[in-house]
Amino acid sequence: MKKIGKWFIEPYIIVTQEWQLLSQRNKEESITGSEKRRIKELKFFNIMLAAVYTLFCYMFLGDLVMLIRGNWVSLMGVVFGFLMMLLLKRIQVSRYLKRRDAYIKKDETLIKQ
């Protein structure tokens, strides 16, 4: 049960960690104005990612309740919501986290493999 709960809240944990990291980087004196703007854009992206994940999470849980009550049509919503949450998590971990520093510095060589 803990693994399931952790799976659901992992994107929120990553977003809060990213928010703290980006806030610390924004306070550095050696950062340029364009990098500060990019950091603000990444903060907004994290907020939007969490909002969209929340939307699909509510959709998944709501359709799951409907499925338990006997509405078999909601199975499509459960599957779709789960797949979209899985896709968002995959994008966040495998794409965003590897490219964050490269985006801030505008240097493609910083992309982690």
N, C-alpha and C. Protein backbone atom coordinates (compact mmCIF):
# COMPACT_ATOMS: atom_id res chain seq x y z
N MET A 1 0.82 -1.20 0.00
CA MET A 1 0.00 0.00 0.00
C MET A 1 0.87 1.26 0.00
N LYS A 2 2.01 1.19 0.70
CA LYS A 2 2.91 2.34 0.73
C LYS A 2 3.47 2.64 -0.66
N LYS A 3 3.75 1.58 -1.42
CA LYS A 3 4.30 1.78 -2.76
C LYS A 3 3.28 2.47 -3.66
N ILE A 4 2.03 2.10 -3.52
CA ILE A 4 0.99 2.74 -4.33
C ILE A 4 0.86 4.21 -3.96
N GLY A 5 0.84 4.48 -2.66
CA GLY A 5 0.77 5.88 -2.21
C GLY A 5 1.97 6.69 -2.66
N LYS A 6 3.14 6.09 -2.57
CA LYS A 6 4.35 6.78 -3.01
C LYS A 6 4.32 7.03 -4.51
N TRP A 7 3.77 6.07 -5.26
CA TRP A 7 3.69 6.24 -6.71
C TRP A 7 2.80 7.43 -7.06
N PHE A 8 1.72 7.61 -6.31
CA PHE A 8 0.80 8.71 -6.59
C PHE A 8 1.38 10.07 -6.21
N ILE A 9 2.17 10.14 -5.14
CA ILE A 9 2.66 11.44 -4.69
C ILE A 9 4.07 11.77 -5.17
N GLU A 10 4.71 10.85 -5.86
CA GLU A 10 6.08 11.10 -6.33
C GLU A 10 6.21 12.35 -7.20
N PRO A 11 5.30 12.62 -8.14
CA PRO A 11 5.44 13.86 -8.93
C PRO A 11 5.37 15.12 -8.07
N TYR A 12 4.56 15.10 -7.02
CA TYR A 12 4.47 16.27 -6.15
C TYR A 12 5.76 16.45 -5.34
N ILE A 13 6.37 15.36 -4.94
CA ILE A 13 7.65 15.43 -4.23
C ILE A 13 8.71 16.03 -5.14
N ILE A 14 8.74 15.58 -6.39
CA ILE A 14 9.72 16.11 -7.35
C ILE A 14 9.47 17.59 -7.60
N VAL A 15 8.21 17.99 -7.71
CA VAL A 15 7.89 19.40 -7.96
C VAL A 15 8.34 20.27 -6.79
N THR A 16 8.10 19.83 -5.56
CA THR A 16 8.53 20.64 -4.41
C THR A 16 10.05 20.71 -4.32
N GLN A 17 10.73 19.62 -4.62
CA GLN A 17 12.19 19.65 -4.61
C GLN A 17 12.72 20.57 -5.71
N GLU A 18 12.11 20.51 -6.87
CA GLU A 18 12.52 21.38 -7.97
C GLU A 18 12.26 22.85 -7.62
N TRP A 19 11.14 23.12 -6.98
CA TRP A 19 10.81 24.49 -6.60
C TRP A 19 11.88 25.04 -5.65
N GLN A 20 12.28 24.23 -4.68
CA GLN A 20 13.32 24.67 -3.74
C GLN A 20 14.66 24.85 -4.45
N LEU A 21 15.01 23.93 -5.32
CA LEU A 21 16.27 24.03 -6.05
C LEU A 21 16.30 25.26 -6.94
N LEU A 22 15.21 25.49 -7.67
CA LEU A 22 15.15 26.65 -8.56
C LEU A 22 15.14 27.96 -7.78
N SER A 23 14.52 27.97 -6.62
CA SER A 23 14.53 29.18 -5.78
C SER A 23 15.93 29.49 -5.30
N GLN A 24 16.67 28.46 -4.92
CA GLN A 24 18.05 28.67 -4.49
C GLN A 24 18.91 29.17 -5.65
N ARG A 25 18.72 28.59 -6.82
CA ARG A 25 19.52 29.01 -7.98
C ARG A 25 19.18 30.44 -8.39
N ASN A 26 17.95 30.84 -8.19
CA ASN A 26 17.53 32.19 -8.57
C ASN A 26 18.14 33.24 -7.65
N LYS A 27 18.52 32.86 -6.44
CA LYS A 27 19.10 33.80 -5.49
C LYS A 27 20.60 34.00 -5.69
N GLU A 28 21.22 33.19 -6.51
CA GLU A 28 22.66 33.33 -6.75
C GLU A 28 22.95 34.65 -7.44
N GLU A 29 24.08 35.23 -7.10
CA GLU A 29 24.45 36.52 -7.69
C GLU A 29 25.09 36.37 -9.07
N SER A 30 25.63 35.22 -9.36
CA SER A 30 26.34 35.03 -10.62
C SER A 30 25.41 34.64 -11.77
N ILE A 31 24.14 34.79 -11.58
CA ILE A 31 23.17 34.38 -12.59
C ILE A 31 22.72 35.60 -13.41
N THR A 32 22.54 35.40 -14.70
CA THR A 32 22.16 36.51 -15.58
C THR A 32 20.65 36.70 -15.58
N GLY A 33 20.22 37.77 -16.21
CA GLY A 33 18.79 38.07 -16.28
C GLY A 33 18.02 37.04 -17.10
N SER A 34 18.61 36.58 -18.19
CA SER A 34 17.91 35.58 -19.01
C SER A 34 17.80 34.25 -18.28
N GLU A 35 18.80 33.92 -17.47
CA GLU A 35 18.72 32.68 -16.69
C GLU A 35 17.65 32.79 -15.61
N LYS A 36 17.50 33.98 -15.02
CA LYS A 36 16.43 34.18 -14.04
C LYS A 36 15.06 34.00 -14.68
N ARG A 37 14.93 34.52 -15.91
CA ARG A 37 13.66 34.38 -16.63
C ARG A 37 13.38 32.91 -16.92
N ARG A 38 14.40 32.19 -17.31
CA ARG A 38 14.22 30.76 -17.60
C ARG A 38 13.88 29.97 -16.34
N ILE A 39 14.44 30.36 -15.22
CA ILE A 39 14.11 29.70 -13.95
C ILE A 39 12.65 29.94 -13.60
N LYS A 40 12.18 31.16 -13.82
CA LYS A 40 10.76 31.45 -13.56
C LYS A 40 9.86 30.64 -14.49
N GLU A 41 10.29 30.46 -15.74
CA GLU A 41 9.51 29.64 -16.67
C GLU A 41 9.46 28.19 -16.21
N LEU A 42 10.57 27.69 -15.69
CA LEU A 42 10.59 26.31 -15.19
C LEU A 42 9.72 26.16 -13.94
N LYS A 43 9.69 27.18 -13.11
CA LYS A 43 8.80 27.14 -11.94
C LYS A 43 7.34 27.05 -12.40
N PHE A 44 6.99 27.88 -13.38
CA PHE A 44 5.63 27.85 -13.90
C PHE A 44 5.32 26.49 -14.54
N PHE A 45 6.29 25.94 -15.26
CA PHE A 45 6.11 24.62 -15.86
C PHE A 45 5.84 23.56 -14.79
N ASN A 46 6.56 23.63 -13.68
CA ASN A 46 6.35 22.67 -12.60
C ASN A 46 4.96 22.81 -12.00
N ILE A 47 4.50 24.04 -11.84
CA ILE A 47 3.15 24.25 -11.32
C ILE A 47 2.11 23.66 -12.27
N MET A 48 2.29 23.91 -13.55
CA MET A 48 1.33 23.39 -14.54
C MET A 48 1.39 21.87 -14.61
N LEU A 49 2.57 21.30 -14.49
CA LEU A 49 2.71 19.84 -14.51
C LEU A 49 1.97 19.23 -13.32
N ALA A 50 2.12 19.83 -12.15
CA ALA A 50 1.42 19.34 -10.96
C ALA A 50 -0.09 19.49 -11.12
N ALA A 51 -0.53 20.58 -11.73
CA ALA A 51 -1.97 20.80 -11.92
C ALA A 51 -2.56 19.77 -12.88
N VAL A 52 -1.87 19.51 -13.97
CA VAL A 52 -2.36 18.53 -14.93
C VAL A 52 -2.34 17.13 -14.33
N TYR A 53 -1.30 16.82 -13.57
CA TYR A 53 -1.23 15.51 -12.91
C TYR A 53 -2.39 15.36 -11.92
N THR A 54 -2.69 16.43 -11.20
CA THR A 54 -3.81 16.41 -10.25
C THR A 54 -5.13 16.17 -10.98
N LEU A 55 -5.30 16.81 -12.12
CA LEU A 55 -6.51 16.61 -12.91
C LEU A 55 -6.68 15.15 -13.32
N PHE A 56 -5.62 14.54 -13.82
CA PHE A 56 -5.71 13.14 -14.23
C PHE A 56 -5.85 12.21 -13.03
N CYS A 57 -5.26 12.59 -11.91
CA CYS A 57 -5.38 11.78 -10.70
C CYS A 57 -6.84 11.78 -10.22
N TYR A 58 -7.47 12.95 -10.20
CA TYR A 58 -8.88 13.02 -9.82
C TYR A 58 -9.75 12.25 -10.80
N MET A 59 -9.42 12.35 -12.07
CA MET A 59 -10.18 11.62 -13.07
C MET A 59 -10.05 10.11 -12.84
N PHE A 60 -8.83 9.67 -12.58
CA PHE A 60 -8.59 8.25 -12.34
C PHE A 60 -9.35 7.77 -11.11
N LEU A 61 -9.23 8.50 -10.01
CA LEU A 61 -9.87 8.07 -8.77
C LEU A 61 -11.40 8.14 -8.87
N GLY A 62 -11.91 9.18 -9.51
CA GLY A 62 -13.36 9.29 -9.68
C GLY A 62 -13.93 8.17 -10.54
N ASP A 63 -13.25 7.88 -11.63
CA ASP A 63 -13.71 6.79 -12.49
C ASP A 63 -13.53 5.43 -11.82
N LEU A 64 -12.53 5.32 -10.98
CA LEU A 64 -12.34 4.07 -10.24
C LEU A 64 -13.50 3.84 -9.27
N VAL A 65 -13.94 4.89 -8.62
CA VAL A 65 -15.10 4.78 -7.72
C VAL A 65 -16.34 4.40 -8.53
N MET A 66 -16.51 5.02 -9.68
CA MET A 66 -17.66 4.69 -10.53
C MET A 66 -17.58 3.24 -11.01
N LEU A 67 -16.38 2.77 -11.30
CA LEU A 67 -16.20 1.39 -11.75
C LEU A 67 -16.55 0.41 -10.63
N ILE A 68 -16.15 0.74 -9.43
CA ILE A 68 -16.47 -0.12 -8.28
C ILE A 68 -17.98 -0.17 -8.05
N ARG A 69 -18.66 0.93 -8.31
CA ARG A 69 -20.11 0.97 -8.13
C ARG A 69 -20.86 0.24 -9.23
N GLY A 70 -20.16 -0.18 -10.28
CA GLY A 70 -20.81 -0.99 -11.30
C GLY A 70 -20.93 -0.35 -12.67
N ASN A 71 -20.41 0.83 -12.85
CA ASN A 71 -20.48 1.50 -14.14
C ASN A 71 -19.27 1.07 -14.97
N TRP A 72 -19.45 0.09 -15.83
CA TRP A 72 -18.33 -0.49 -16.57
C TRP A 72 -17.78 0.43 -17.66
N VAL A 73 -18.57 1.41 -18.06
CA VAL A 73 -18.09 2.36 -19.07
C VAL A 73 -16.94 3.20 -18.52
N SER A 74 -16.92 3.40 -17.21
CA SER A 74 -15.86 4.21 -16.61
C SER A 74 -14.50 3.51 -16.62
N LEU A 75 -14.47 2.26 -17.05
CA LEU A 75 -13.20 1.56 -17.18
C LEU A 75 -12.28 2.28 -18.17
N MET A 76 -12.87 2.85 -19.21
CA MET A 76 -12.06 3.61 -20.18
C MET A 76 -11.42 4.82 -19.51
N GLY A 77 -12.15 5.49 -18.64
CA GLY A 77 -11.60 6.63 -17.91
C GLY A 77 -10.49 6.23 -16.96
N VAL A 78 -10.65 5.08 -16.33
CA VAL A 78 -9.61 4.58 -15.41
C VAL A 78 -8.34 4.30 -16.19
N VAL A 79 -8.47 3.62 -17.31
CA VAL A 79 -7.30 3.28 -18.12
C VAL A 79 -6.66 4.54 -18.68
N PHE A 80 -7.47 5.44 -19.21
CA PHE A 80 -6.94 6.68 -19.78
C PHE A 80 -6.25 7.53 -18.72
N GLY A 81 -6.89 7.68 -17.56
CA GLY A 81 -6.29 8.47 -16.48
C GLY A 81 -4.98 7.87 -16.01
N PHE A 82 -4.94 6.55 -15.87
CA PHE A 82 -3.71 5.89 -15.44
C PHE A 82 -2.60 6.07 -16.47
N LEU A 83 -2.93 5.89 -17.74
CA LEU A 83 -1.92 6.05 -18.79
C LEU A 83 -1.39 7.47 -18.86
N MET A 84 -2.26 8.44 -18.69
CA MET A 84 -1.82 9.84 -18.73
C MET A 84 -0.95 10.18 -17.52
N MET A 85 -1.30 9.66 -16.35
CA MET A 85 -0.45 9.88 -15.17
C MET A 85 0.91 9.23 -15.37
N LEU A 86 0.91 8.05 -15.93
CA LEU A 86 2.16 7.35 -16.21
C LEU A 86 3.01 8.13 -17.22
N LEU A 87 2.37 8.66 -18.24
CA LEU A 87 3.07 9.45 -19.24
C LEU A 87 3.66 10.73 -18.64
N LEU A 88 2.90 11.41 -17.81
CA LEU A 88 3.40 12.63 -17.18
C LEU A 88 4.58 12.35 -16.26
N LYS A 89 4.50 11.26 -15.52
CA LYS A 89 5.63 10.89 -14.65
C LYS A 89 6.86 10.57 -15.48
N ARG A 90 6.68 9.86 -16.57
CA ARG A 90 7.81 9.50 -17.44
C ARG A 90 8.44 10.74 -18.05
N ILE A 91 7.63 11.68 -18.48
CA ILE A 91 8.15 12.93 -19.05
C ILE A 91 8.92 13.71 -17.99
N GLN A 92 8.37 13.76 -16.80
CA GLN A 92 9.02 14.52 -15.73
C GLN A 92 10.38 13.93 -15.37
N VAL A 93 10.45 12.62 -15.25
CA VAL A 93 11.69 11.99 -14.81
C VAL A 93 12.70 11.85 -15.94
N SER A 94 12.25 11.37 -17.09
CA SER A 94 13.22 11.06 -18.14
C SER A 94 13.52 12.23 -19.07
N ARG A 95 12.67 13.21 -19.14
CA ARG A 95 12.91 14.34 -20.04
C ARG A 95 13.26 15.62 -19.29
N TYR A 96 12.37 16.03 -18.40
CA TYR A 96 12.53 17.33 -17.75
C TYR A 96 13.78 17.38 -16.88
N LEU A 97 13.96 16.40 -16.01
CA LEU A 97 15.08 16.45 -15.07
C LEU A 97 16.43 16.38 -15.78
N LYS A 98 16.48 15.73 -16.92
CA LYS A 98 17.74 15.63 -17.66
C LYS A 98 18.06 16.91 -18.43
N ARG A 99 17.06 17.68 -18.77
CA ARG A 99 17.26 18.85 -19.62
C ARG A 99 17.15 20.18 -18.88
N ARG A 100 16.87 20.16 -17.60
CA ARG A 100 16.65 21.39 -16.84
C ARG A 100 17.87 22.32 -16.88
N ASP A 101 19.03 21.80 -16.56
CA ASP A 101 20.23 22.65 -16.52
C ASP A 101 20.60 23.17 -17.90
N ALA A 102 20.41 22.34 -18.91
CA ALA A 102 20.70 22.78 -20.28
C ALA A 102 19.76 23.91 -20.69
N TYR A 103 18.52 23.86 -20.24
CA TYR A 103 17.57 24.92 -20.58
C TYR A 103 17.94 26.22 -19.87
N ILE A 104 18.32 26.13 -18.62
CA ILE A 104 18.66 27.34 -17.86
C ILE A 104 19.88 28.02 -18.46
N LYS A 105 20.90 27.25 -18.77
CA LYS A 105 22.14 27.82 -19.31
C LYS A 105 22.10 28.01 -20.83
N LYS A 106 21.08 27.47 -21.47
CA LYS A 106 20.94 27.51 -22.93
C LYS A 106 22.17 26.89 -23.60
N ASP A 107 22.52 25.70 -23.10
CA ASP A 107 23.69 24.98 -23.59
C ASP A 107 23.30 23.51 -23.76
N GLU A 108 23.24 23.05 -24.99
CA GLU A 108 22.79 21.69 -25.26
C GLU A 108 23.77 20.62 -24.79
N THR A 109 24.99 21.00 -24.52
CA THR A 109 25.97 20.01 -24.07
C THR A 109 25.73 19.58 -22.62
N LEU A 110 24.88 20.29 -21.90
CA LEU A 110 24.58 19.94 -20.51
C LEU A 110 23.48 18.90 -20.37
N ILE A 111 22.89 18.46 -21.47
CA ILE A 111 21.83 17.45 -21.41
C ILE A 111 22.44 16.14 -20.94
N LYS A 112 21.86 15.59 -19.88
CA LYS A 112 22.37 14.34 -19.31
C LYS A 112 21.84 13.16 -20.11
N GLN A 113 22.68 12.20 -20.33
CA GLN A 113 22.28 11.01 -21.09
C GLN A 113 21.75 9.93 -20.22
